[in-house]
Amino acid sequence: MTQNSNNVIHLIFNNKNRPEISRPSDLPIQSRSVSISDKVIGCVWLCTVLIWRPLRWFLGVVSFIQFLKIWYHWDEGLMSRIELGISFLVVFSVLTALTYFVSIFKPEKF
């Protein structure tokens, strides 16, 4: 039993089987310059995050009002339903896209 445990310890500390590890000082340094578009997207993201709470409430109330208008004008004809539906869809899509932009997207550097 002691022979097997010595064998395992010998394999662990054997320098011949050890892979070479590159040190961080040996790796080339890659510097990434920040482009103008990254700066603009970062600034837009920052401004959107700063005004996100009132903007979210505003867009939520506007989309709810648009939905109520669709419901109220349902019997007035096809064209009014299409126009109201498109306006609701636009407002709700902006709300959804901004929710994604604020909560999931994070700019790298700006």
N, C-alpha and C. Protein backbone atom coordinates (compact mmCIF):
# COMPACT_ATOMS: atom_id res chain seq x y z
N MET A 1 0.81 -1.19 0.00
CA MET A 1 0.00 0.00 0.00
C MET A 1 0.86 1.26 0.00
N THR A 2 1.91 1.26 0.75
CA THR A 2 2.77 2.44 0.78
C THR A 2 3.54 2.61 -0.52
N GLN A 3 3.78 1.52 -1.20
CA GLN A 3 4.49 1.60 -2.48
C GLN A 3 3.64 2.36 -3.51
N ASN A 4 2.32 2.13 -3.55
CA ASN A 4 1.45 2.82 -4.51
C ASN A 4 1.35 4.31 -4.20
N SER A 5 1.27 4.65 -2.92
CA SER A 5 1.17 6.07 -2.59
C SER A 5 2.47 6.79 -2.91
N ASN A 6 3.60 6.13 -2.74
CA ASN A 6 4.87 6.75 -3.13
C ASN A 6 4.94 6.93 -4.64
N ASN A 7 4.37 6.01 -5.36
CA ASN A 7 4.36 6.08 -6.81
C ASN A 7 3.54 7.28 -7.28
N VAL A 8 2.40 7.51 -6.66
CA VAL A 8 1.54 8.64 -7.03
C VAL A 8 2.25 9.96 -6.72
N ILE A 9 2.84 10.05 -5.57
CA ILE A 9 3.55 11.27 -5.20
C ILE A 9 4.72 11.49 -6.16
N HIS A 10 5.36 10.43 -6.56
CA HIS A 10 6.46 10.55 -7.49
C HIS A 10 5.96 11.08 -8.85
N LEU A 11 4.80 10.63 -9.31
CA LEU A 11 4.26 11.08 -10.58
C LEU A 11 3.84 12.55 -10.52
N ILE A 12 3.32 12.96 -9.39
CA ILE A 12 2.88 14.35 -9.26
C ILE A 12 4.06 15.30 -9.31
N PHE A 13 5.14 14.95 -8.63
CA PHE A 13 6.28 15.85 -8.55
C PHE A 13 7.34 15.60 -9.60
N ASN A 14 7.05 14.76 -10.55
CA ASN A 14 8.00 14.50 -11.61
C ASN A 14 8.02 15.68 -12.58
N ASN A 15 9.16 16.29 -12.80
CA ASN A 15 9.27 17.47 -13.65
C ASN A 15 9.23 17.15 -15.14
N LYS A 16 9.43 15.92 -15.50
CA LYS A 16 9.44 15.57 -16.92
C LYS A 16 8.03 15.60 -17.51
N ASN A 17 7.03 15.31 -16.72
CA ASN A 17 5.65 15.26 -17.22
C ASN A 17 4.94 16.61 -17.12
N ARG A 18 5.60 17.59 -16.59
CA ARG A 18 4.97 18.89 -16.39
C ARG A 18 4.94 19.70 -17.68
N PRO A 19 3.78 20.22 -18.05
CA PRO A 19 3.74 21.07 -19.25
C PRO A 19 4.33 22.44 -18.94
N GLU A 20 4.87 23.06 -19.98
CA GLU A 20 5.43 24.39 -19.78
C GLU A 20 4.31 25.42 -19.71
N ILE A 21 4.42 26.31 -18.75
CA ILE A 21 3.42 27.35 -18.55
C ILE A 21 4.05 28.68 -18.94
N SER A 22 3.37 29.41 -19.81
CA SER A 22 3.92 30.71 -20.21
C SER A 22 3.56 31.74 -19.15
N ARG A 23 4.51 32.55 -18.83
CA ARG A 23 4.29 33.58 -17.83
C ARG A 23 3.65 34.80 -18.48
N PRO A 24 2.88 35.58 -17.71
CA PRO A 24 2.25 36.77 -18.29
C PRO A 24 3.26 37.76 -18.86
N SER A 25 4.46 37.81 -18.31
CA SER A 25 5.46 38.74 -18.84
C SER A 25 5.97 38.30 -20.21
N ASP A 26 5.83 37.01 -20.54
CA ASP A 26 6.28 36.50 -21.83
C ASP A 26 5.27 36.75 -22.94
N LEU A 27 4.01 36.96 -22.58
CA LEU A 27 2.97 37.14 -23.59
C LEU A 27 3.04 38.55 -24.17
N PRO A 28 2.73 38.68 -25.46
CA PRO A 28 2.75 40.03 -26.05
C PRO A 28 1.58 40.87 -25.53
N ILE A 29 1.81 42.13 -25.32
CA ILE A 29 0.77 43.03 -24.82
C ILE A 29 -0.04 43.52 -26.01
N GLN A 30 -1.35 43.32 -25.93
CA GLN A 30 -2.23 43.77 -27.00
C GLN A 30 -3.03 44.96 -26.48
N SER A 31 -2.78 46.10 -27.03
CA SER A 31 -3.53 47.28 -26.62
C SER A 31 -4.60 47.54 -27.68
N ARG A 32 -5.80 47.76 -27.22
CA ARG A 32 -6.91 48.01 -28.12
C ARG A 32 -7.30 49.46 -28.00
N SER A 33 -7.20 50.15 -29.09
CA SER A 33 -7.60 51.55 -29.06
C SER A 33 -9.12 51.62 -29.17
N VAL A 34 -9.69 52.57 -28.48
CA VAL A 34 -11.13 52.73 -28.47
C VAL A 34 -11.53 53.58 -29.67
N SER A 35 -12.43 53.05 -30.49
CA SER A 35 -12.84 53.79 -31.68
C SER A 35 -13.91 54.82 -31.32
N ILE A 36 -14.19 55.67 -32.27
CA ILE A 36 -15.18 56.73 -32.08
C ILE A 36 -16.57 56.13 -31.87
N SER A 37 -16.89 55.08 -32.61
CA SER A 37 -18.22 54.47 -32.46
C SER A 37 -18.39 53.84 -31.07
N ASP A 38 -17.32 53.26 -30.51
CA ASP A 38 -17.40 52.73 -29.16
C ASP A 38 -17.65 53.82 -28.14
N LYS A 39 -17.02 54.98 -28.35
CA LYS A 39 -17.23 56.10 -27.44
C LYS A 39 -18.66 56.63 -27.53
N VAL A 40 -19.17 56.73 -28.75
CA VAL A 40 -20.54 57.24 -28.94
C VAL A 40 -21.55 56.27 -28.33
N ILE A 41 -21.39 54.97 -28.58
CA ILE A 41 -22.30 53.98 -28.01
C ILE A 41 -22.21 53.98 -26.49
N GLY A 42 -21.01 54.13 -25.96
CA GLY A 42 -20.84 54.19 -24.51
C GLY A 42 -21.52 55.40 -23.90
N CYS A 43 -21.40 56.55 -24.55
CA CYS A 43 -22.06 57.77 -24.04
C CYS A 43 -23.58 57.66 -24.14
N VAL A 44 -24.08 57.10 -25.24
CA VAL A 44 -25.53 56.90 -25.36
C VAL A 44 -26.02 55.93 -24.30
N TRP A 45 -25.27 54.87 -24.07
CA TRP A 45 -25.65 53.91 -23.03
C TRP A 45 -25.67 54.56 -21.66
N LEU A 46 -24.66 55.37 -21.36
CA LEU A 46 -24.58 56.05 -20.07
C LEU A 46 -25.75 57.01 -19.88
N CYS A 47 -26.06 57.80 -20.89
CA CYS A 47 -27.19 58.74 -20.79
C CYS A 47 -28.52 57.98 -20.64
N THR A 48 -28.65 56.87 -21.37
CA THR A 48 -29.88 56.09 -21.27
C THR A 48 -30.02 55.47 -19.89
N VAL A 49 -28.94 55.00 -19.32
CA VAL A 49 -28.98 54.41 -17.97
C VAL A 49 -29.33 55.47 -16.94
N LEU A 50 -28.81 56.67 -17.12
CA LEU A 50 -29.08 57.73 -16.15
C LEU A 50 -30.54 58.18 -16.14
N ILE A 51 -31.20 58.15 -17.29
CA ILE A 51 -32.61 58.56 -17.34
C ILE A 51 -33.55 57.36 -17.50
N TRP A 52 -33.07 56.16 -17.19
CA TRP A 52 -33.84 54.96 -17.48
C TRP A 52 -35.13 54.85 -16.69
N ARG A 53 -35.13 55.17 -15.40
CA ARG A 53 -36.36 55.00 -14.61
C ARG A 53 -37.52 55.84 -15.11
N PRO A 54 -37.36 57.16 -15.28
CA PRO A 54 -38.50 57.90 -15.81
C PRO A 54 -38.83 57.55 -17.26
N LEU A 55 -37.82 57.23 -18.05
CA LEU A 55 -38.06 56.84 -19.44
C LEU A 55 -38.84 55.54 -19.52
N ARG A 56 -38.52 54.59 -18.66
CA ARG A 56 -39.24 53.31 -18.65
C ARG A 56 -40.70 53.51 -18.26
N TRP A 57 -40.93 54.34 -17.25
CA TRP A 57 -42.31 54.63 -16.85
C TRP A 57 -43.06 55.32 -17.97
N PHE A 58 -42.43 56.31 -18.59
CA PHE A 58 -43.09 57.05 -19.66
C PHE A 58 -43.46 56.13 -20.82
N LEU A 59 -42.52 55.33 -21.29
CA LEU A 59 -42.80 54.43 -22.42
C LEU A 59 -43.81 53.36 -22.04
N GLY A 60 -43.78 52.89 -20.79
CA GLY A 60 -44.78 51.92 -20.35
C GLY A 60 -46.18 52.50 -20.34
N VAL A 61 -46.32 53.73 -19.85
CA VAL A 61 -47.64 54.38 -19.82
C VAL A 61 -48.12 54.67 -21.23
N VAL A 62 -47.23 55.14 -22.11
CA VAL A 62 -47.61 55.43 -23.49
C VAL A 62 -48.04 54.15 -24.21
N SER A 63 -47.32 53.05 -24.01
CA SER A 63 -47.71 51.80 -24.67
C SER A 63 -49.04 51.28 -24.12
N PHE A 64 -49.29 51.47 -22.82
CA PHE A 64 -50.58 51.06 -22.25
C PHE A 64 -51.72 51.91 -22.82
N ILE A 65 -51.49 53.22 -22.98
CA ILE A 65 -52.51 54.08 -23.57
C ILE A 65 -52.76 53.70 -25.03
N GLN A 66 -51.72 53.38 -25.77
CA GLN A 66 -51.89 52.94 -27.15
C GLN A 66 -52.70 51.65 -27.21
N PHE A 67 -52.45 50.75 -26.27
CA PHE A 67 -53.21 49.50 -26.24
C PHE A 67 -54.68 49.76 -25.93
N LEU A 68 -54.95 50.68 -25.00
CA LEU A 68 -56.34 51.03 -24.69
C LEU A 68 -57.03 51.69 -25.88
N LYS A 69 -56.28 52.49 -26.64
CA LYS A 69 -56.86 53.11 -27.84
C LYS A 69 -57.23 52.05 -28.88
N ILE A 70 -56.41 51.03 -29.01
CA ILE A 70 -56.73 49.93 -29.93
C ILE A 70 -58.02 49.26 -29.49
N TRP A 71 -58.13 49.00 -28.22
CA TRP A 71 -59.31 48.35 -27.67
C TRP A 71 -60.57 49.19 -27.84
N TYR A 72 -60.45 50.50 -27.62
CA TYR A 72 -61.60 51.39 -27.69
C TYR A 72 -62.08 51.57 -29.13
N HIS A 73 -61.16 51.69 -30.08
CA HIS A 73 -61.51 51.93 -31.47
C HIS A 73 -61.58 50.65 -32.30
N TRP A 74 -61.85 49.53 -31.69
CA TRP A 74 -61.82 48.25 -32.39
C TRP A 74 -62.88 48.14 -33.48
N ASP A 75 -64.07 48.73 -33.27
CA ASP A 75 -65.18 48.58 -34.22
C ASP A 75 -65.24 49.67 -35.28
N GLU A 76 -64.28 50.56 -35.34
CA GLU A 76 -64.37 51.69 -36.26
C GLU A 76 -63.85 51.39 -37.66
N GLY A 77 -63.26 50.30 -37.89
CA GLY A 77 -62.80 49.97 -39.23
C GLY A 77 -61.38 49.43 -39.20
N LEU A 78 -61.03 48.83 -40.31
CA LEU A 78 -59.75 48.16 -40.40
C LEU A 78 -58.57 49.13 -40.40
N MET A 79 -58.70 50.25 -41.11
CA MET A 79 -57.56 51.17 -41.21
C MET A 79 -57.21 51.80 -39.87
N SER A 80 -58.20 52.13 -39.06
CA SER A 80 -57.89 52.73 -37.75
C SER A 80 -57.22 51.69 -36.85
N ARG A 81 -57.65 50.44 -36.96
CA ARG A 81 -57.01 49.38 -36.16
C ARG A 81 -55.56 49.18 -36.60
N ILE A 82 -55.30 49.23 -37.89
CA ILE A 82 -53.94 49.04 -38.40
C ILE A 82 -53.03 50.18 -37.94
N GLU A 83 -53.53 51.42 -38.07
CA GLU A 83 -52.73 52.58 -37.65
C GLU A 83 -52.44 52.54 -36.15
N LEU A 84 -53.46 52.24 -35.36
CA LEU A 84 -53.26 52.17 -33.92
C LEU A 84 -52.36 50.99 -33.54
N GLY A 85 -52.51 49.90 -34.25
CA GLY A 85 -51.67 48.74 -33.98
C GLY A 85 -50.20 49.00 -34.30
N ILE A 86 -49.96 49.72 -35.39
CA ILE A 86 -48.58 50.04 -35.75
C ILE A 86 -47.98 50.99 -34.74
N SER A 87 -48.75 51.98 -34.29
CA SER A 87 -48.21 52.92 -33.30
C SER A 87 -47.92 52.20 -31.97
N PHE A 88 -48.80 51.28 -31.57
CA PHE A 88 -48.54 50.49 -30.36
C PHE A 88 -47.30 49.63 -30.54
N LEU A 89 -47.17 49.01 -31.69
CA LEU A 89 -46.03 48.14 -31.95
C LEU A 89 -44.72 48.91 -31.93
N VAL A 90 -44.71 50.13 -32.46
CA VAL A 90 -43.49 50.95 -32.47
C VAL A 90 -43.10 51.32 -31.05
N VAL A 91 -44.06 51.79 -30.25
CA VAL A 91 -43.75 52.21 -28.88
C VAL A 91 -43.30 51.01 -28.05
N PHE A 92 -43.97 49.89 -28.18
CA PHE A 92 -43.60 48.70 -27.42
C PHE A 92 -42.25 48.15 -27.86
N SER A 93 -41.94 48.24 -29.16
CA SER A 93 -40.64 47.78 -29.65
C SER A 93 -39.51 48.66 -29.12
N VAL A 94 -39.74 49.97 -29.05
CA VAL A 94 -38.73 50.88 -28.49
C VAL A 94 -38.51 50.56 -27.02
N LEU A 95 -39.59 50.31 -26.29
CA LEU A 95 -39.47 49.95 -24.88
C LEU A 95 -38.69 48.65 -24.70
N THR A 96 -38.98 47.67 -25.52
CA THR A 96 -38.28 46.38 -25.44
C THR A 96 -36.80 46.52 -25.82
N ALA A 97 -36.52 47.27 -26.88
CA ALA A 97 -35.13 47.45 -27.31
C ALA A 97 -34.32 48.22 -26.27
N LEU A 98 -34.91 49.25 -25.67
CA LEU A 98 -34.20 49.99 -24.64
C LEU A 98 -33.99 49.16 -23.37
N THR A 99 -34.95 48.30 -23.07
CA THR A 99 -34.78 47.40 -21.92
C THR A 99 -33.60 46.47 -22.15
N TYR A 100 -33.50 45.93 -23.35
CA TYR A 100 -32.35 45.09 -23.69
C TYR A 100 -31.06 45.89 -23.62
N PHE A 101 -31.08 47.10 -24.20
CA PHE A 101 -29.88 47.94 -24.28
C PHE A 101 -29.36 48.30 -22.90
N VAL A 102 -30.25 48.58 -21.96
CA VAL A 102 -29.83 48.99 -20.62
C VAL A 102 -29.44 47.79 -19.77
N SER A 103 -30.20 46.71 -19.83
CA SER A 103 -29.98 45.62 -18.88
C SER A 103 -28.94 44.60 -19.34
N ILE A 104 -28.85 44.31 -20.62
CA ILE A 104 -27.95 43.25 -21.07
C ILE A 104 -26.67 43.80 -21.70
N PHE A 105 -26.78 44.81 -22.52
CA PHE A 105 -25.61 45.35 -23.21
C PHE A 105 -24.76 46.17 -22.24
N LYS A 106 -23.47 45.90 -22.23
CA LYS A 106 -22.52 46.68 -21.43
C LYS A 106 -21.39 47.10 -22.36
N PRO A 107 -21.11 48.39 -22.45
CA PRO A 107 -20.02 48.82 -23.33
C PRO A 107 -18.67 48.39 -22.76
N GLU A 108 -17.73 48.10 -23.66
CA GLU A 108 -16.42 47.62 -23.22
C GLU A 108 -15.62 48.74 -22.58
N LYS A 109 -15.32 49.76 -23.33
CA LYS A 109 -14.57 50.91 -22.84
C LYS A 109 -15.08 52.14 -23.56
N PHE A 110 -15.07 53.22 -22.87
CA PHE A 110 -15.36 54.50 -23.53
C PHE A 110 -14.78 55.63 -22.73
